Structure formats: C-alpha cells, structure tokens
Amino acid sequence: MRVEPSVPGDVLSRVLAPFEAAGGQRIDAPLLQPLNLLLDLAGEAMRARLFVVQSEGGPESCLRPDFTVAIARQHLERGLVDGRYVYQGPAYRASTGSDRPEEFVQTGLEVFSADQPTAEADAEVASLAWAAASAGRRQDLSLWLGDVALFSAFIDSLELSDALARRLKRIAGRPRLLAAELARAGQTSVNAGGRLAGLLSGLSEPEAAALLEEVWALAGVEPVGGRGPAEIASRLVRKSEAASALALTEVQAESIRAFMAINDTSTAAFAQVRTLAGSRTPALDAALALWGERLALLETVIPPGRMRFTPSLGHAFDYYDGITIEVRSAALGADQPVAVGGRYDSLLARLGGRGDLHAVGCMVRPWRAWAGGKA
C-alpha cells in the first residue's frame, strides 16, 4: 500500500484549527466500514477502489475510504439530533495504474441538525473549507461550487414525465450514468434489463425478493458478498425500469448537456441557467434566490476572482443532494482537489435516521493543501 508522505505537525494543526474554532467536537471513526453500504452509495464501480476485508463466513467490510459516512453512522447510533464533529486521520482508497497514495490523511468537519438548511449554514462550511485549505499556504487556490438541488429544479423546468425526471435526479451525482442517459436521447425504449429483471419489475419488492429466493433454492445457489435477496431484487427492478423508461428528446438532452457544461463566474453561470431553463418554476426561482444569499456571504470571505460555479461538480459518493464544494489548486488540477464537501441531508435517512435531519460537511487533504507538499 502506498502511503502519503508525512505532513509537519504545525501544518496539520493549522489545517485543523478553523474547524475546531467553529465549535466542532473531536471524534474518530471505526476503521472498518460495511462494504455493501459504501457500494450502495457509490455504485459497484467503486469496489475496485476499496480495500476489502472479510472474515471467514462473515460479511465483507472495507477500510474507510473517507470519514463522512462513518461519522454520520456514529451520530445516528448515539441517538442525537444536533452534532458538530471534527476529525483528522487516515483514509484508504486503492489506486491501480497510478502512483497516488492509497493511505492518506483527511481533516474535516461534519455538522448535523434538525434545523432547516439555510444559506448561512452552507456558506459557513464552504468558508471553513476555504480557510482550512488556505492554512496550508498555497497561493493558487480557487473555490468551486455546484448544486445537486439546482439540477433537480432545472430538470423540473423541462416538463419531463415524472418517471424520467425522477430517474435523472437519482443519477445527478453519477457522471457515467447521466452520460449514458443523455446518449440514448431520441431512442425508443427497449427493455435491456434482462428477462429476470423484467419479470421482477412487475412485482412488489417483497414478492420480488421471495421469487428470487425461490430461484436460488431451485438452482442450489448460495449468494455471496453479503447482499440479500431484497437488495438484489431492488437493483434488478431499477435496472429494468431504467432500460424501459422513456428517453429524452434530442432537444431536452441538449439543454441538459448545456446546463452541465456551465463553468463560469457565479453571476454569469446563473444567468445561463435562466436562459437554458424550459420554463420559470417556483423551485428554480427559490434555488437561484438561495444562491444569491450564499454568494453574498461568501464574497465577504473569498478573494475576488477566486470563485467559480459549475453544475457538473460532483464527488465519488452520490449522497450529496444540495450544495457541492471543492477547493482546487491550479498546480494539482481538478482531479486532485484540496478540499471537497457539500450538503447531504438524504444520507441520514438512507442510514436509518429521522427524515427531518440535515447534514453538511467538508474534508481537506493536508498534503495537498501544504505549500511544501504535493507538487
């Protein structure tokens, strides 16, 4: 395993300091995390980047690829509503075909609350990501912003069928899936999900799971990898529904491509969103108004000319459902961000928490933030 070079202690302290000053409670997270949960959040393609661990006959686990999910699970297990946690420690991701470190240090902040999301809360975390990243004293940083919720509001403005709109919103954070959906624009629907998936798609989830178990029993098959029949049946049903769903028209697909290609100063970017929208909707108006509030706050913190907005900004895990944040270094490029983060309210419900809980956070890579570190 390739280990990231050490970062001087004073640099680690400087990067951590903005988060601690914001009132975060220092916390650690279990090194082992459930593999199936991480794959559900990032898709099977993520498996190749995880270090998988399995005891004989036990469920598969993996070394934590980041802290967000692990800390969210801890917060829910404690039965708490509000929480503000700071962490600093190693995370692990396999990197085949490159010389990138596979064990590296992350420093971050996660904030949980029952309060409704506000521009102030989002701007605070973006500002803290900037402050922590800047503590490494690089001079070439810029703050990049995106918004999954704005994508959803834009999709609603196109007046698509409910099923197609839901499908697009679900894959907003999965660039490859979204590209595949855009690529089939103008095509007639064909059920490419397979015969078994097509059969299961007409059943309720309990019925589909029961039928799958019966097929396994008849074939003498034992499932591996810890996935149960309900989970597998659900995935097959979603695959079948996606393959047979109505496709976008070429005009609709081109509007979405143009929206995702926006990469400009914030003011110019939002003007382009208005131009591309199919119709003016309350949701789109509200999303843009919220951005007006966020920007007014961020402009008091971020140096002029250092902010960009692009709707395509996404991360490895698809649990982000609001603002997305990256701090980038011009020297390192877009594929090696110094800091990442965003709002992920829906993750808490997916982890079994209450539906009225909200979460936002960010993470910094000190080795990338440090002026004397990653070149």
Protein backbone atom coordinates (compact mmCIF):
# COMPACT_ATOMS: atom_id res chain seq x y z
CA MET A 1 0.00 0.00 0.00
CA ARG A 2 1.43 3.38 -0.98
CA VAL A 3 1.39 5.75 1.99
CA GLU A 4 1.17 9.51 1.60
CA PRO A 5 4.26 11.38 2.86
CA SER A 6 4.03 12.84 6.35
CA VAL A 7 2.84 16.40 6.83
CA PRO A 8 4.55 18.54 9.51
CA GLY A 9 2.63 18.73 12.75
CA ASP A 10 2.32 22.51 12.63
CA VAL A 11 0.69 22.29 9.19
CA LEU A 12 -1.79 19.66 10.42
CA SER A 13 -2.64 21.90 13.36
CA ARG A 14 -3.18 24.93 11.13
CA VAL A 15 -5.47 22.98 8.79
CA LEU A 16 -7.48 21.62 11.73
CA ALA A 17 -7.72 24.95 13.56
CA PRO A 18 -10.61 26.56 11.58
CA PHE A 19 -12.81 23.52 12.23
CA GLU A 20 -12.02 23.43 15.93
CA ALA A 21 -12.64 27.18 16.20
CA ALA A 22 -16.09 26.58 14.70
CA GLY A 23 -17.02 24.53 17.75
CA GLY A 24 -16.51 21.01 16.46
CA GLN A 25 -16.13 18.07 18.86
CA ARG A 26 -13.04 15.95 18.09
CA ILE A 27 -14.03 12.42 17.06
CA ASP A 28 -12.56 9.32 15.45
CA ALA A 29 -14.39 6.74 13.32
CA PRO A 30 -14.19 2.94 13.01
CA LEU A 31 -11.52 1.84 10.57
CA LEU A 32 -13.75 -0.89 9.10
CA GLN A 33 -16.97 0.05 7.33
CA PRO A 34 -19.68 -2.18 5.78
CA LEU A 35 -18.81 -2.76 2.13
CA ASN A 36 -22.38 -3.08 0.89
CA LEU A 37 -23.32 0.30 2.30
CA LEU A 38 -20.43 2.03 0.54
CA LEU A 39 -21.27 0.29 -2.76
CA ASP A 40 -24.89 1.39 -2.47
CA LEU A 41 -23.72 4.97 -2.08
CA ALA A 42 -21.11 4.96 -4.85
CA GLY A 43 -22.05 2.08 -7.15
CA GLU A 44 -20.23 -1.15 -7.96
CA ALA A 45 -17.56 0.76 -9.89
CA MET A 46 -16.24 1.94 -6.53
CA ARG A 47 -15.40 -1.63 -5.44
CA ALA A 48 -12.07 -1.54 -7.31
CA ARG A 49 -11.01 1.47 -5.22
CA LEU A 50 -11.83 -0.08 -1.85
CA PHE A 51 -9.64 -2.26 0.35
CA VAL A 52 -11.99 -5.16 1.10
CA VAL A 53 -11.73 -7.24 4.29
CA GLN A 54 -13.74 -10.39 5.06
CA SER A 55 -13.53 -12.87 7.88
CA GLU A 56 -14.40 -16.47 7.09
CA GLY A 57 -18.16 -16.70 6.61
CA GLY A 58 -18.67 -13.09 7.67
CA PRO A 59 -19.91 -10.03 5.77
CA GLU A 60 -17.49 -8.04 3.67
CA SER A 61 -16.08 -4.84 5.13
CA CYS A 62 -13.67 -2.27 3.77
CA LEU A 63 -11.13 0.15 5.14
CA ARG A 64 -12.84 3.53 5.44
CA PRO A 65 -12.46 5.44 2.14
CA ASP A 66 -13.48 8.66 3.91
CA PHE A 67 -14.97 9.79 7.23
CA THR A 68 -18.37 11.22 6.30
CA VAL A 69 -20.43 8.03 6.25
CA ALA A 70 -18.65 6.61 9.29
CA ILE A 71 -19.27 9.73 11.38
CA ALA A 72 -22.88 10.01 10.22
CA ARG A 73 -23.46 6.42 11.35
CA GLN A 74 -21.88 7.17 14.74
CA HIS A 75 -24.04 10.26 15.18
CA LEU A 76 -27.21 8.29 14.48
CA GLU A 77 -26.15 5.42 16.77
CA ARG A 78 -25.81 7.93 19.59
CA GLY A 79 -29.45 8.93 19.12
CA LEU A 80 -28.55 12.60 18.85
CA VAL A 81 -30.16 15.32 16.75
CA ASP A 82 -27.59 18.11 16.69
CA GLY A 83 -23.88 17.45 16.39
CA ARG A 84 -20.72 19.12 15.11
CA TYR A 85 -17.69 16.85 14.73
CA VAL A 86 -14.05 17.44 13.76
CA TYR A 87 -11.72 14.66 12.65
CA GLN A 88 -8.20 14.08 11.43
CA GLY A 89 -6.85 10.67 10.45
CA PRO A 90 -6.03 8.22 7.67
CA ALA A 91 -8.40 7.06 4.93
CA TYR A 92 -7.78 4.39 2.30
CA ARG A 93 -8.50 4.06 -1.40
CA ALA A 94 -6.87 1.66 -3.85
CA SER A 95 -5.30 3.31 -6.87
CA THR A 96 -4.46 0.89 -9.67
CA GLY A 97 -2.49 2.14 -12.62
CA SER A 98 -1.15 5.22 -10.85
CA ASP A 99 1.36 6.12 -8.16
CA ARG A 100 -1.09 8.04 -5.98
CA PRO A 101 -1.06 7.38 -2.22
CA GLU A 102 -3.55 4.76 -1.08
CA GLU A 103 -3.34 5.73 2.58
CA PHE A 104 -3.71 9.45 3.17
CA VAL A 105 -4.72 11.91 5.88
CA GLN A 106 -8.08 13.69 5.87
CA THR A 107 -9.12 16.58 8.10
CA GLY A 108 -12.73 17.66 8.19
CA LEU A 109 -15.94 18.82 9.79
CA GLU A 110 -19.45 17.29 9.74
CA VAL A 111 -22.48 19.21 11.01
CA PHE A 112 -25.85 17.59 11.82
CA SER A 113 -29.02 19.45 12.76
CA ALA A 114 -32.82 19.32 12.74
CA ASP A 115 -32.88 22.95 11.61
CA GLN A 116 -33.89 23.59 8.01
CA PRO A 117 -30.91 24.16 5.67
CA THR A 118 -30.01 27.81 5.28
CA ALA A 119 -27.71 29.87 3.10
CA GLU A 120 -25.76 30.75 6.26
CA ALA A 121 -25.08 27.09 7.14
CA ASP A 122 -23.94 26.24 3.61
CA ALA A 123 -21.79 29.35 3.34
CA GLU A 124 -20.21 28.65 6.74
CA VAL A 125 -19.00 25.19 5.66
CA ALA A 126 -17.75 26.48 2.30
CA SER A 127 -15.90 29.27 4.11
CA LEU A 128 -14.38 26.80 6.57
CA ALA A 129 -13.26 24.53 3.71
CA TRP A 130 -11.54 27.55 2.17
CA ALA A 131 -9.95 28.62 5.47
CA ALA A 132 -8.64 25.12 6.26
CA ALA A 133 -7.30 24.60 2.74
CA SER A 134 -5.68 28.04 2.75
CA ALA A 135 -3.95 27.22 6.04
CA GLY A 136 -1.51 25.12 4.03
CA ARG A 137 -0.37 28.42 2.44
CA ARG A 138 -0.74 27.55 -1.21
CA GLN A 139 -1.24 30.69 -3.27
CA ASP A 140 -3.07 29.10 -6.24
CA LEU A 141 -6.38 28.06 -4.68
CA SER A 142 -9.89 28.66 -6.02
CA LEU A 143 -13.33 27.77 -4.65
CA TRP A 144 -15.58 25.77 -6.99
CA LEU A 145 -19.28 25.44 -6.26
CA GLY A 146 -22.07 23.25 -7.59
CA ASP A 147 -25.58 22.29 -6.54
CA VAL A 148 -27.43 19.00 -6.95
CA ALA A 149 -30.69 20.68 -5.86
CA LEU A 150 -30.31 23.24 -8.65
CA PHE A 151 -30.01 20.37 -11.13
CA SER A 152 -33.30 18.96 -9.80
CA ALA A 153 -35.01 22.35 -10.14
CA PHE A 154 -33.67 22.70 -13.68
CA ILE A 155 -34.98 19.23 -14.60
CA ASP A 156 -38.42 20.22 -13.32
CA SER A 157 -38.36 23.24 -15.62
CA LEU A 158 -38.09 20.93 -18.67
CA GLU A 159 -41.54 19.44 -18.01
CA LEU A 160 -40.45 15.81 -18.41
CA SER A 161 -42.52 12.79 -17.46
CA ASP A 162 -42.45 12.06 -13.73
CA ALA A 163 -40.60 8.76 -14.20
CA LEU A 164 -37.90 10.27 -16.41
CA ALA A 165 -37.45 13.28 -14.12
CA ARG A 166 -37.03 11.01 -11.09
CA ARG A 167 -34.51 8.91 -12.98
CA LEU A 168 -32.40 11.93 -13.93
CA LYS A 169 -32.46 13.36 -10.41
CA ARG A 170 -31.40 10.00 -8.97
CA ILE A 171 -28.31 9.82 -11.18
CA ALA A 172 -27.37 13.50 -10.98
CA GLY A 173 -24.24 12.67 -8.98
CA ARG A 174 -23.20 9.75 -11.22
CA PRO A 175 -21.49 11.24 -14.31
CA ARG A 176 -21.27 7.94 -16.19
CA LEU A 177 -24.93 7.08 -15.67
CA LEU A 178 -26.02 10.58 -16.63
CA ALA A 179 -23.87 10.44 -19.78
CA ALA A 180 -25.48 7.11 -20.70
CA GLU A 181 -28.96 8.60 -20.23
CA LEU A 182 -28.09 11.55 -22.46
CA ALA A 183 -26.55 9.22 -25.06
CA ARG A 184 -29.82 7.34 -25.56
CA ALA A 185 -31.78 10.53 -26.29
CA GLY A 186 -34.25 10.10 -29.12
CA GLN A 187 -34.25 6.30 -28.89
CA THR A 188 -37.33 4.18 -28.45
CA SER A 189 -37.39 2.33 -25.16
CA VAL A 190 -36.14 -1.25 -25.14
CA ASN A 191 -36.03 -3.49 -22.11
CA ALA A 192 -32.34 -4.21 -21.87
CA GLY A 193 -32.56 -5.10 -18.22
CA GLY A 194 -32.73 -8.86 -18.83
CA ARG A 195 -35.60 -11.31 -18.63
CA LEU A 196 -35.32 -11.86 -14.89
CA ALA A 197 -35.22 -8.11 -14.23
CA GLY A 198 -38.26 -7.65 -16.47
CA LEU A 199 -40.15 -10.35 -14.60
CA LEU A 200 -39.31 -8.92 -11.19
CA SER A 201 -40.25 -5.38 -12.23
CA GLY A 202 -43.94 -6.28 -12.19
CA LEU A 203 -43.85 -7.38 -8.56
CA SER A 204 -43.71 -5.62 -5.21
CA GLU A 205 -40.31 -5.68 -3.51
CA PRO A 206 -41.30 -8.45 -1.01
CA GLU A 207 -42.73 -10.54 -3.87
CA ALA A 208 -39.63 -9.95 -5.98
CA ALA A 209 -37.33 -10.96 -3.11
CA ALA A 210 -39.38 -14.12 -2.42
CA LEU A 211 -39.26 -15.11 -6.10
CA LEU A 212 -35.50 -14.55 -6.24
CA GLU A 213 -35.00 -16.73 -3.14
CA GLU A 214 -37.10 -19.46 -4.78
CA VAL A 215 -34.97 -19.31 -7.94
CA TRP A 216 -31.81 -19.57 -5.83
CA ALA A 217 -33.19 -22.57 -3.95
CA LEU A 218 -34.15 -24.38 -7.15
CA ALA A 219 -30.73 -23.72 -8.66
CA GLY A 220 -28.86 -24.56 -5.46
CA VAL A 221 -27.24 -21.13 -5.45
CA GLU A 222 -25.82 -19.51 -2.31
CA PRO A 223 -25.49 -15.70 -2.55
CA VAL A 224 -22.06 -14.24 -1.76
CA GLY A 225 -20.83 -10.80 -0.76
CA GLY A 226 -23.46 -10.18 1.90
CA ARG A 227 -26.21 -8.88 -0.39
CA GLY A 228 -29.66 -10.18 0.49
CA PRO A 229 -32.46 -11.10 -1.96
CA ALA A 230 -34.42 -7.88 -1.30
CA GLU A 231 -31.40 -5.74 -2.13
CA ILE A 232 -30.53 -7.67 -5.28
CA ALA A 233 -34.17 -7.73 -6.44
CA SER A 234 -34.44 -3.99 -5.90
CA ARG A 235 -31.35 -3.37 -8.03
CA LEU A 236 -32.67 -5.62 -10.81
CA VAL A 237 -36.02 -3.85 -10.78
CA ARG A 238 -34.36 -0.43 -11.01
CA LYS A 239 -32.20 -1.68 -13.87
CA SER A 240 -35.24 -2.92 -15.77
CA GLU A 241 -37.23 0.26 -15.15
CA ALA A 242 -34.32 2.42 -16.31
CA ALA A 243 -33.88 0.41 -19.51
CA SER A 244 -37.57 0.58 -20.39
CA ALA A 245 -38.17 4.21 -19.40
CA LEU A 246 -38.93 6.86 -21.96
CA ALA A 247 -35.83 8.52 -23.33
CA LEU A 248 -35.14 12.23 -23.51
CA THR A 249 -35.74 14.02 -26.77
CA GLU A 250 -32.66 15.39 -28.51
CA VAL A 251 -33.72 18.94 -27.62
CA GLN A 252 -34.12 18.05 -23.93
CA ALA A 253 -30.80 16.23 -23.86
CA GLU A 254 -29.03 19.19 -25.46
CA SER A 255 -30.47 21.53 -22.81
CA ILE A 256 -29.16 19.27 -20.04
CA ARG A 257 -25.74 18.99 -21.70
CA ALA A 258 -25.53 22.78 -21.95
CA PHE A 259 -26.59 23.12 -18.31
CA MET A 260 -23.94 20.63 -17.15
CA ALA A 261 -21.29 22.37 -19.27
CA ILE A 262 -21.72 25.71 -17.47
CA ASN A 263 -18.39 26.76 -15.99
CA ASP A 264 -18.19 30.45 -15.19
CA THR A 265 -18.25 33.12 -12.53
CA SER A 266 -21.27 32.66 -10.31
CA THR A 267 -23.24 35.63 -11.68
CA ALA A 268 -22.69 34.61 -15.30
CA ALA A 269 -23.41 30.96 -14.53
CA PHE A 270 -26.82 31.67 -13.00
CA ALA A 271 -27.75 33.91 -15.93
CA GLN A 272 -27.03 30.94 -18.21
CA VAL A 273 -29.24 28.71 -16.06
CA ARG A 274 -32.13 31.15 -16.54
CA THR A 275 -31.59 31.12 -20.31
CA LEU A 276 -31.49 27.32 -20.57
CA ALA A 277 -34.48 26.62 -18.32
CA GLY A 278 -37.51 25.28 -20.15
CA SER A 279 -39.93 27.35 -18.07
CA ARG A 280 -39.84 29.51 -14.98
CA THR A 281 -40.81 27.49 -11.91
CA PRO A 282 -41.06 28.33 -8.19
CA ALA A 283 -38.43 25.68 -7.41
CA LEU A 284 -35.93 27.19 -9.83
CA ASP A 285 -36.62 30.71 -8.58
CA ALA A 286 -36.13 29.55 -4.98
CA ALA A 287 -32.88 27.71 -5.79
CA LEU A 288 -31.40 30.76 -7.53
CA ALA A 289 -32.55 33.09 -4.74
CA LEU A 290 -30.81 30.84 -2.20
CA TRP A 291 -27.64 31.10 -4.24
CA GLY A 292 -27.90 34.87 -4.14
CA GLU A 293 -27.82 34.67 -0.34
CA ARG A 294 -24.91 32.19 -0.27
CA LEU A 295 -22.82 34.31 -2.63
CA ALA A 296 -23.41 37.49 -0.67
CA LEU A 297 -21.95 35.73 2.38
CA LEU A 298 -19.08 34.03 0.56
CA GLU A 299 -17.98 37.19 -1.20
CA THR A 300 -17.05 38.65 2.18
CA VAL A 301 -14.60 35.77 2.75
CA ILE A 302 -13.30 34.55 -0.64
CA PRO A 303 -10.85 36.83 -2.51
CA PRO A 304 -12.24 38.40 -5.72
CA GLY A 305 -11.95 36.22 -8.79
CA ARG A 306 -11.43 33.01 -6.82
CA MET A 307 -14.99 31.57 -7.11
CA ARG A 308 -16.42 29.51 -9.98
CA PHE A 309 -19.73 27.69 -10.42
CA THR A 310 -20.30 24.52 -12.42
CA PRO A 311 -23.37 22.25 -12.08
CA SER A 312 -21.29 19.18 -13.00
CA LEU A 313 -19.33 19.39 -9.76
CA GLY A 314 -19.79 16.03 -8.08
CA HIS A 315 -17.89 13.61 -5.87
CA ALA A 316 -17.22 9.88 -5.69
CA PHE A 317 -20.25 9.26 -3.49
CA ASP A 318 -23.73 10.21 -4.66
CA TYR A 319 -25.16 11.14 -1.26
CA TYR A 320 -24.78 14.89 -1.88
CA ASP A 321 -28.17 16.48 -2.55
CA GLY A 322 -27.53 20.22 -2.20
CA ILE A 323 -24.53 22.49 -2.46
CA THR A 324 -21.26 20.83 -3.52
CA ILE A 325 -17.88 22.34 -2.72
CA GLU A 326 -14.32 21.93 -3.94
CA VAL A 327 -11.17 23.90 -3.25
CA ARG A 328 -8.74 23.36 -6.11
CA SER A 329 -5.09 24.11 -6.66
CA ALA A 330 -4.08 25.30 -10.13
CA ALA A 331 -0.90 23.20 -9.84
CA LEU A 332 -2.71 19.97 -8.88
CA GLY A 333 -5.68 20.27 -11.24
CA ALA A 334 -9.34 19.33 -10.99
CA ASP A 335 -8.75 15.61 -10.38
CA GLN A 336 -6.80 16.26 -7.16
CA PRO A 337 -8.94 18.69 -5.13
CA VAL A 338 -7.50 20.10 -1.94
CA ALA A 339 -10.92 20.09 -0.23
CA VAL A 340 -14.35 18.65 -1.02
CA GLY A 341 -17.72 18.75 0.68
CA GLY A 342 -21.35 19.70 0.49
CA ARG A 343 -24.85 19.10 1.82
CA TYR A 344 -26.07 15.51 2.19
CA ASP A 345 -29.41 15.63 4.02
CA SER A 346 -30.80 12.46 2.41
CA LEU A 347 -27.88 10.31 3.57
CA LEU A 348 -29.10 10.31 7.16
CA ALA A 349 -32.46 8.82 6.16
CA ARG A 350 -30.67 6.25 3.98
CA LEU A 351 -28.68 5.26 7.07
CA GLY A 352 -31.89 4.77 9.07
CA GLY A 353 -32.13 8.19 10.69
CA ARG A 354 -35.10 10.52 11.03
CA GLY A 355 -36.33 12.14 7.86
CA ASP A 356 -36.12 15.65 9.31
CA LEU A 357 -32.37 15.61 10.00
CA HIS A 358 -29.93 17.62 7.88
CA ALA A 359 -26.19 17.43 7.31
CA VAL A 360 -23.42 19.40 5.67
CA GLY A 361 -19.65 19.00 5.86
CA CYS A 362 -16.27 19.20 4.19
CA MET A 363 -12.90 17.47 4.12
CA VAL A 364 -9.36 18.76 3.43
CA ARG A 365 -6.31 16.79 2.29
CA PRO A 366 -3.44 18.44 4.26
CA TRP A 367 -0.73 17.00 1.97
CA ARG A 368 -2.36 18.74 -0.98
CA ALA A 369 -3.06 21.93 0.98
CA TRP A 370 0.53 22.27 2.21
CA ALA A 371 2.67 24.51 0.02
CA GLY A 372 5.62 22.21 0.72
CA GLY A 373 3.65 19.03 -0.01
CA LYS A 374 2.08 17.63 -3.16
CA ALA A 375 3.66 19.30 -6.19
